[in-house]
PDB file of N, CA and C in Angstrom:
ATOM      1  N   UNK A   1       8.579  19.249  12.466  1.00  0.00           N
ATOM      2  CA  UNK A   1       8.524  17.965  11.788  1.00  0.00           C
ATOM      3  C   UNK A   1       7.780  18.147  10.473  1.00  0.00           C
ATOM      4  N   UNK A   2       8.406  17.755   9.423  1.00  0.00           N
ATOM      5  CA  UNK A   2       7.871  17.964   8.088  1.00  0.00           C
ATOM      6  C   UNK A   2       7.532  16.612   7.471  1.00  0.00           C
ATOM      7  N   UNK A   3       6.343  16.084   7.822  1.00  0.00           N
ATOM      8  CA  UNK A   3       5.944  14.753   7.378  1.00  0.00           C
ATOM      9  C   UNK A   3       4.837  14.858   6.340  1.00  0.00           C
ATOM     10  N   UNK A   4       5.019  14.172   5.244  1.00  0.00           N
ATOM     11  CA  UNK A   4       3.999  14.128   4.205  1.00  0.00           C
ATOM     12  C   UNK A   4       2.970  13.057   4.577  1.00  0.00           C
ATOM     13  N   UNK A   5       1.697  13.367   4.446  1.00  0.00           N
ATOM     14  CA  UNK A   5       0.619  12.455   4.847  1.00  0.00           C
ATOM     15  C   UNK A   5       0.611  11.189   3.998  1.00  0.00           C
ATOM     16  N   UNK A   6       1.209  11.234   2.812  1.00  0.00           N
ATOM     17  CA  UNK A   6       1.219  10.057   1.946  1.00  0.00           C
ATOM     18  C   UNK A   6       2.083   8.922   2.491  1.00  0.00           C
ATOM     19  N   UNK A   7       3.063   9.243   3.326  1.00  0.00           N
ATOM     20  CA  UNK A   7       3.911   8.194   3.890  1.00  0.00           C
ATOM     21  C   UNK A   7       3.144   7.274   4.834  1.00  0.00           C
ATOM     22  N   UNK A   8       2.476   7.775   5.880  1.00  0.00           N
ATOM     23  CA  UNK A   8       1.734   6.840   6.739  1.00  0.00           C
ATOM     24  C   UNK A   8       0.552   6.181   6.040  1.00  0.00           C
ATOM     25  N   UNK A   9      -0.091   6.890   5.113  1.00  0.00           N
ATOM     26  CA  UNK A   9      -1.187   6.283   4.360  1.00  0.00           C
ATOM     27  C   UNK A   9      -0.652   5.140   3.495  1.00  0.00           C
ATOM     28  N   UNK A  10       0.487   5.359   2.868  1.00  0.00           N
ATOM     29  CA  UNK A  10       1.090   4.310   2.047  1.00  0.00           C
ATOM     30  C   UNK A  10       1.484   3.101   2.864  1.00  0.00           C
ATOM     31  N   UNK A  11       2.045   3.326   4.049  1.00  0.00           N
ATOM     32  CA  UNK A  11       2.418   2.209   4.910  1.00  0.00           C
ATOM     33  C   UNK A  11       1.180   1.446   5.357  1.00  0.00           C
ATOM     34  N   UNK A  12       0.140   2.172   5.767  1.00  0.00           N
ATOM     35  CA  UNK A  12      -1.089   1.539   6.241  1.00  0.00           C
ATOM     36  C   UNK A  12      -1.734   0.680   5.153  1.00  0.00           C
ATOM     37  N   UNK A  13      -1.909   1.241   3.965  1.00  0.00           N
ATOM     38  CA  UNK A  13      -2.551   0.491   2.892  1.00  0.00           C
ATOM     39  C   UNK A  13      -1.684  -0.681   2.428  1.00  0.00           C
ATOM     40  N   UNK A  14      -0.363  -0.512   2.433  1.00  0.00           N
ATOM     41  CA  UNK A  14       0.518  -1.614   2.049  1.00  0.00           C
ATOM     42  C   UNK A  14       0.409  -2.768   3.035  1.00  0.00           C
ATOM     43  N   UNK A  15       0.392  -2.450   4.327  1.00  0.00           N
ATOM     44  CA  UNK A  15       0.254  -3.498   5.336  1.00  0.00           C
ATOM     45  C   UNK A  15      -1.095  -4.209   5.228  1.00  0.00           C
ATOM     46  N   UNK A  16      -2.164  -3.436   5.121  1.00  0.00           N
ATOM     47  CA  UNK A  16      -3.487  -4.035   5.019  1.00  0.00           C
ATOM     48  C   UNK A  16      -3.640  -4.859   3.744  1.00  0.00           C
ATOM     49  N   UNK A  17      -3.105  -4.356   2.641  1.00  0.00           N
ATOM     50  CA  UNK A  17      -3.168  -5.100   1.380  1.00  0.00           C
ATOM     51  C   UNK A  17      -2.372  -6.387   1.444  1.00  0.00           C
ATOM     52  N   UNK A  18      -1.201  -6.346   2.068  1.00  0.00           N
ATOM     53  CA  UNK A  18      -0.400  -7.554   2.210  1.00  0.00           C
ATOM     54  C   UNK A  18      -1.085  -8.598   3.083  1.00  0.00           C
ATOM     55  N   UNK A  19      -1.710  -8.133   4.178  1.00  0.00           N
ATOM     56  CA  UNK A  19      -2.422  -9.052   5.055  1.00  0.00           C
ATOM     57  C   UNK A  19      -3.617  -9.668   4.326  1.00  0.00           C
ATOM     58  N   UNK A  20      -4.374  -8.844   3.619  1.00  0.00           N
ATOM     59  CA  UNK A  20      -5.555  -9.340   2.910  1.00  0.00           C
ATOM     60  C   UNK A  20      -5.178 -10.302   1.788  1.00  0.00           C
ATOM     61  N   UNK A  21      -4.142  -9.969   1.030  1.00  0.00           N
ATOM     62  CA  UNK A  21      -3.706 -10.868  -0.042  1.00  0.00           C
ATOM     63  C   UNK A  21      -3.167 -12.174   0.528  1.00  0.00           C
ATOM     64  N   UNK A  22      -2.426 -12.086   1.619  1.00  0.00           N
ATOM     65  CA  UNK A  22      -1.920 -13.297   2.258  1.00  0.00           C
ATOM     66  C   UNK A  22      -3.039 -14.177   2.781  1.00  0.00           C
ATOM     67  N   UNK A  23      -4.054 -13.554   3.366  1.00  0.00           N
ATOM     68  CA  UNK A  23      -5.211 -14.309   3.849  1.00  0.00           C
ATOM     69  C   UNK A  23      -5.930 -14.988   2.687  1.00  0.00           C
ATOM     70  N   UNK A  24      -6.032 -14.286   1.567  1.00  0.00           N
ATOM     71  CA  UNK A  24      -6.690 -14.884   0.405  1.00  0.00           C
ATOM     72  C   UNK A  24      -5.893 -16.028  -0.196  1.00  0.00           C
ATOM     73  N   UNK A  25      -4.567 -15.892  -0.195  1.00  0.00           N
ATOM     74  CA  UNK A  25      -3.730 -16.951  -0.759  1.00  0.00           C
ATOM     75  C   UNK A  25      -3.654 -18.174   0.143  1.00  0.00           C
ATOM     76  N   UNK A  26      -3.605 -17.952   1.456  1.00  0.00           N
ATOM     77  CA  UNK A  26      -3.413 -19.053   2.393  1.00  0.00           C
ATOM     78  C   UNK A  26      -4.715 -19.544   3.016  1.00  0.00           C
ATOM     79  N   UNK A  27      -5.811 -18.835   2.769  1.00  0.00           N
ATOM     80  CA  UNK A  27      -7.084 -19.188   3.380  1.00  0.00           C
ATOM     81  C   UNK A  27      -7.760 -20.371   2.724  1.00  0.00           C
ATOM     82  N   UNK A  28      -8.900 -20.711   3.264  1.00  0.00           N
ATOM     83  CA  UNK A  28      -9.678 -21.852   2.791  1.00  0.00           C
ATOM     84  C   UNK A  28     -10.322 -21.530   1.439  1.00  0.00           C
ATOM     85  N   UNK A  29     -10.141 -22.405   0.480  1.00  0.00           N
ATOM     86  CA  UNK A  29     -10.667 -22.182  -0.871  1.00  0.00           C
ATOM     87  C   UNK A  29     -12.187 -22.321  -0.936  1.00  0.00           C
ATOM     88  N   UNK A  30     -12.798 -22.936   0.066  1.00  0.00           N
ATOM     89  CA  UNK A  30     -14.256 -23.112   0.037  1.00  0.00           C
ATOM     90  C   UNK A  30     -14.992 -21.783   0.228  1.00  0.00           C
ATOM     91  N   UNK A  31     -14.298 -20.761   0.727  1.00  0.00           N
ATOM     92  CA  UNK A  31     -14.926 -19.444   0.885  1.00  0.00           C
ATOM     93  C   UNK A  31     -15.222 -18.784  -0.461  1.00  0.00           C
ATOM     94  N   UNK A  32     -14.558 -19.226  -1.507  1.00  0.00           N
ATOM     95  CA  UNK A  32     -14.727 -18.618  -2.828  1.00  0.00           C
ATOM     96  C   UNK A  32     -16.041 -19.002  -3.493  1.00  0.00           C
ATOM     97  N   UNK A  33     -16.746 -19.959  -2.953  1.00  0.00           N
ATOM     98  CA  UNK A  33     -18.019 -20.376  -3.546  1.00  0.00           C
ATOM     99  C   UNK A  33     -19.061 -19.270  -3.476  1.00  0.00           C
ATOM    100  N   UNK A  34     -18.992 -18.446  -2.454  1.00  0.00           N
ATOM    101  CA  UNK A  34     -19.962 -17.356  -2.298  1.00  0.00           C
ATOM    102  C   UNK A  34     -19.777 -16.274  -3.360  1.00  0.00           C
ATOM    103  N   UNK A  35     -18.571 -16.140  -3.881  1.00  0.00           N
ATOM    104  CA  UNK A  35     -18.295 -15.109  -4.883  1.00  0.00           C
ATOM    105  C   UNK A  35     -18.062 -15.711  -6.263  1.00  0.00           C
ATOM    106  N   UNK A  36     -18.798 -16.784  -6.569  1.00  0.00           N
ATOM    107  CA  UNK A  36     -18.753 -17.457  -7.874  1.00  0.00           C
ATOM    108  C   UNK A  36     -17.357 -17.973  -8.208  1.00  0.00           C
ATOM    109  N   UNK A  37     -16.619 -18.408  -7.190  1.00  0.00           N
ATOM    110  CA  UNK A  37     -15.305 -19.000  -7.401  1.00  0.00           C
ATOM    111  C   UNK A  37     -14.172 -18.012  -7.549  1.00  0.00           C
ATOM    112  N   UNK A  38     -14.435 -16.725  -7.378  1.00  0.00           N
ATOM    113  CA  UNK A  38     -13.405 -15.699  -7.515  1.00  0.00           C
ATOM    114  C   UNK A  38     -12.866 -15.367  -6.128  1.00  0.00           C
ATOM    115  N   UNK A  39     -11.570 -15.388  -5.971  1.00  0.00           N
ATOM    116  CA  UNK A  39     -10.950 -15.067  -4.693  1.00  0.00           C
ATOM    117  C   UNK A  39     -10.785 -13.549  -4.598  1.00  0.00           C
ATOM    118  N   UNK A  40     -11.772 -12.886  -4.026  1.00  0.00           N
ATOM    119  CA  UNK A  40     -11.771 -11.432  -3.945  1.00  0.00           C
ATOM    120  C   UNK A  40     -10.719 -10.906  -2.979  1.00  0.00           C
ATOM    121  N   UNK A  41     -10.374 -11.683  -1.970  1.00  0.00           N
ATOM    122  CA  UNK A  41      -9.372 -11.229  -1.009  1.00  0.00           C
ATOM    123  C   UNK A  41      -8.011 -11.024  -1.663  1.00  0.00           C
ATOM    124  N   UNK A  42      -7.645 -11.925  -2.551  1.00  0.00           N
ATOM    125  CA  UNK A  42      -6.358 -11.787  -3.237  1.00  0.00           C
ATOM    126  C   UNK A  42      -6.385 -10.575  -4.171  1.00  0.00           C
ATOM    127  N   UNK A  43      -7.441 -10.446  -4.938  1.00  0.00           N
ATOM    128  CA  UNK A  43      -7.537  -9.335  -5.888  1.00  0.00           C
ATOM    129  C   UNK A  43      -7.502  -7.981  -5.211  1.00  0.00           C
ATOM    130  N   UNK A  44      -8.360  -7.806  -4.214  1.00  0.00           N
ATOM    131  CA  UNK A  44      -8.403  -6.509  -3.532  1.00  0.00           C
ATOM    132  C   UNK A  44      -7.183  -6.299  -2.641  1.00  0.00           C
ATOM    133  N   UNK A  45      -6.597  -7.374  -2.156  1.00  0.00           N
ATOM    134  CA  UNK A  45      -5.362  -7.237  -1.388  1.00  0.00           C
ATOM    135  C   UNK A  45      -4.245  -6.669  -2.244  1.00  0.00           C
ATOM    136  N   UNK A  46      -4.130  -7.161  -3.470  1.00  0.00           N
ATOM    137  CA  UNK A  46      -3.100  -6.625  -4.362  1.00  0.00           C
ATOM    138  C   UNK A  46      -3.414  -5.194  -4.793  1.00  0.00           C
ATOM    139  N   UNK A  47      -4.686  -4.867  -4.955  1.00  0.00           N
ATOM    140  CA  UNK A  47      -5.058  -3.487  -5.294  1.00  0.00           C
ATOM    141  C   UNK A  47      -4.643  -2.546  -4.158  1.00  0.00           C
ATOM    142  N   UNK A  48      -4.951  -2.923  -2.923  1.00  0.00           N
ATOM    143  CA  UNK A  48      -4.564  -2.099  -1.782  1.00  0.00           C
ATOM    144  C   UNK A  48      -3.049  -2.009  -1.647  1.00  0.00           C
ATOM    145  N   UNK A  49      -2.366  -3.109  -1.902  1.00  0.00           N
ATOM    146  CA  UNK A  49      -0.909  -3.118  -1.812  1.00  0.00           C
ATOM    147  C   UNK A  49      -0.290  -2.176  -2.842  1.00  0.00           C
ATOM    148  N   UNK A  50      -0.760  -2.221  -4.062  1.00  0.00           N
ATOM    149  CA  UNK A  50      -0.234  -1.344  -5.118  1.00  0.00           C
ATOM    150  C   UNK A  50      -0.542   0.120  -4.803  1.00  0.00           C
ATOM    151  N   UNK A  51      -1.771   0.395  -4.345  1.00  0.00           N
ATOM    152  CA  UNK A  51      -2.128   1.762  -3.976  1.00  0.00           C
ATOM    153  C   UNK A  51      -1.223   2.274  -2.851  1.00  0.00           C
ATOM    154  N   UNK A  52      -0.993   1.440  -1.854  1.00  0.00           N
ATOM    155  CA  UNK A  52      -0.129   1.838  -0.755  1.00  0.00           C
ATOM    156  C   UNK A  52       1.294   2.100  -1.197  1.00  0.00           C
ATOM    157  N   UNK A  53       1.813   1.258  -2.073  1.00  0.00           N
ATOM    158  CA  UNK A  53       3.175   1.464  -2.570  1.00  0.00           C
ATOM    159  C   UNK A  53       3.293   2.732  -3.404  1.00  0.00           C
ATOM    160  N   UNK A  54       2.273   3.018  -4.200  1.00  0.00           N
ATOM    161  CA  UNK A  54       2.281   4.254  -5.006  1.00  0.00           C
ATOM    162  C   UNK A  54       2.259   5.478  -4.090  1.00  0.00           C
ATOM    163  N   UNK A  55       1.402   5.448  -3.072  1.00  0.00           N
ATOM    164  CA  UNK A  55       1.343   6.571  -2.130  1.00  0.00           C
ATOM    165  C   UNK A  55       2.681   6.746  -1.403  1.00  0.00           C
ATOM    166  N   UNK A  56       3.284   5.643  -0.999  1.00  0.00           N
ATOM    167  CA  UNK A  56       4.549   5.710  -0.289  1.00  0.00           C
ATOM    168  C   UNK A  56       5.656   6.279  -1.178  1.00  0.00           C
ATOM    169  N   UNK A  57       5.708   5.829  -2.423  1.00  0.00           N
ATOM    170  CA  UNK A  57       6.746   6.319  -3.347  1.00  0.00           C
ATOM    171  C   UNK A  57       6.558   7.806  -3.617  1.00  0.00           C
ATOM    172  N   UNK A  58       5.324   8.261  -3.840  1.00  0.00           N
ATOM    173  CA  UNK A  58       5.088   9.680  -4.065  1.00  0.00           C
ATOM    174  C   UNK A  58       5.416  10.510  -2.827  1.00  0.00           C
ATOM    175  N   UNK A  59       5.122   9.984  -1.658  1.00  0.00           N
ATOM    176  CA  UNK A  59       5.454  10.685  -0.421  1.00  0.00           C
ATOM    177  C   UNK A  59       6.947  10.804  -0.221  1.00  0.00           C
ATOM    178  N   UNK A  60       7.682   9.720  -0.495  1.00  0.00           N
ATOM    179  CA  UNK A  60       9.148   9.766  -0.367  1.00  0.00           C
ATOM    180  C   UNK A  60       9.752  10.738  -1.365  1.00  0.00           C
ATOM    181  N   UNK A  61       9.204  10.748  -2.575  1.00  0.00           N
ATOM    182  CA  UNK A  61       9.725  11.662  -3.593  1.00  0.00           C
ATOM    183  C   UNK A  61       9.482  13.115  -3.206  1.00  0.00           C
ATOM    184  N   UNK A  62       8.310  13.393  -2.639  1.00  0.00           N
ATOM    185  CA  UNK A  62       7.998  14.757  -2.212  1.00  0.00           C
ATOM    186  C   UNK A  62       8.885  15.180  -1.046  1.00  0.00           C
ATOM    187  N   UNK A  63       9.152  14.254  -0.124  1.00  0.00           N
ATOM    188  CA  UNK A  63      10.030  14.571   1.004  1.00  0.00           C
ATOM    189  C   UNK A  63      11.458  14.836   0.517  1.00  0.00           C
ATOM    190  N   UNK A  64      11.897  14.068  -0.468  1.00  0.00           N
ATOM    191  CA  UNK A  64      13.227  14.275  -1.010  1.00  0.00           C
ATOM    192  C   UNK A  64      13.318  15.634  -1.716  1.00  0.00           C
ATOM    193  N   UNK A  65      12.271  15.988  -2.471  1.00  0.00           N
ATOM    194  CA  UNK A  65      12.245  17.286  -3.147  1.00  0.00           C
ATOM    195  C   UNK A  65      12.248  18.424  -2.136  1.00  0.00           C
ATOM    196  N   UNK A  66      11.497  18.273  -1.052  1.00  0.00           N
ATOM    197  CA  UNK A  66      11.451  19.309  -0.017  1.00  0.00           C
ATOM    198  C   UNK A  66      12.796  19.423   0.682  1.00  0.00           C
ATOM    199  N   UNK A  67      13.494  18.298   0.855  1.00  0.00           N
ATOM    200  CA  UNK A  67      14.816  18.319   1.479  1.00  0.00           C
ATOM    201  C   UNK A  67      15.838  19.030   0.622  1.00  0.00           C
ATOM    202  N   UNK A  68      15.711  18.918  -0.672  1.00  0.00           N
ATOM    203  CA  UNK A  68      16.638  19.609  -1.575  1.00  0.00           C
ATOM    204  C   UNK A  68      16.425  21.110  -1.548  1.00  0.00           C
ATOM    205  N   UNK A  69      15.176  21.533  -1.403  1.00  0.00           N
ATOM    206  CA  UNK A  69      14.885  22.971  -1.413  1.00  0.00           C
ATOM    207  C   UNK A  69      15.351  23.653  -0.148  1.00  0.00           C
ATOM    208  N   UNK A  70      15.328  22.952   0.982  1.00  0.00           N
ATOM    209  CA  UNK A  70      15.697  23.575   2.251  1.00  0.00           C
ATOM    210  C   UNK A  70      17.165  23.398   2.594  1.00  0.00           C
ATOM    211  N   UNK A  71      17.863  22.475   1.934  1.00  0.00           N
ATOM    212  CA  UNK A  71      19.274  22.231   2.258  1.00  0.00           C
ATOM    213  C   UNK A  71      20.126  23.364   1.693  1.00  0.00           C
ATOM    214  N   UNK A  72      21.099  23.827   2.487  1.00  0.00           N
ATOM    215  CA  UNK A  72      21.964  24.900   1.984  1.00  0.00           C
ATOM    216  C   UNK A  72      22.877  24.354   0.888  1.00  0.00           C
ATOM    217  N   UNK A  73      23.080  25.164  -0.106  1.00  0.00           N
ATOM    218  CA  UNK A  73      23.940  24.762  -1.221  1.00  0.00           C
ATOM    219  C   UNK A  73      25.362  25.221  -0.956  1.00  0.00           C
ATOM    220  N   UNK A  74      26.316  24.363  -1.277  1.00  0.00           N
ATOM    221  CA  UNK A  74      27.706  24.754  -1.070  1.00  0.00           C
ATOM    222  C   UNK A  74      28.469  24.786  -2.363  1.00  0.00           C
TER     223      UNK A  74
END
């Protein structure tokens, strides 16, 4: 099995970022008073989501490149 570690890391961070951003968007706005009115859950959720997507895309690209090198040419 030839699995790149970036694929599961990308999936994990994308899921966690989506959950955190969703919680920040749909959650109670009164929680933002502790952070001077800034919704940190939304901001960091999107950061985690973008990081996860970047890791996933790089992992898929590396797997595709590895598949081309091992596939027999006809």
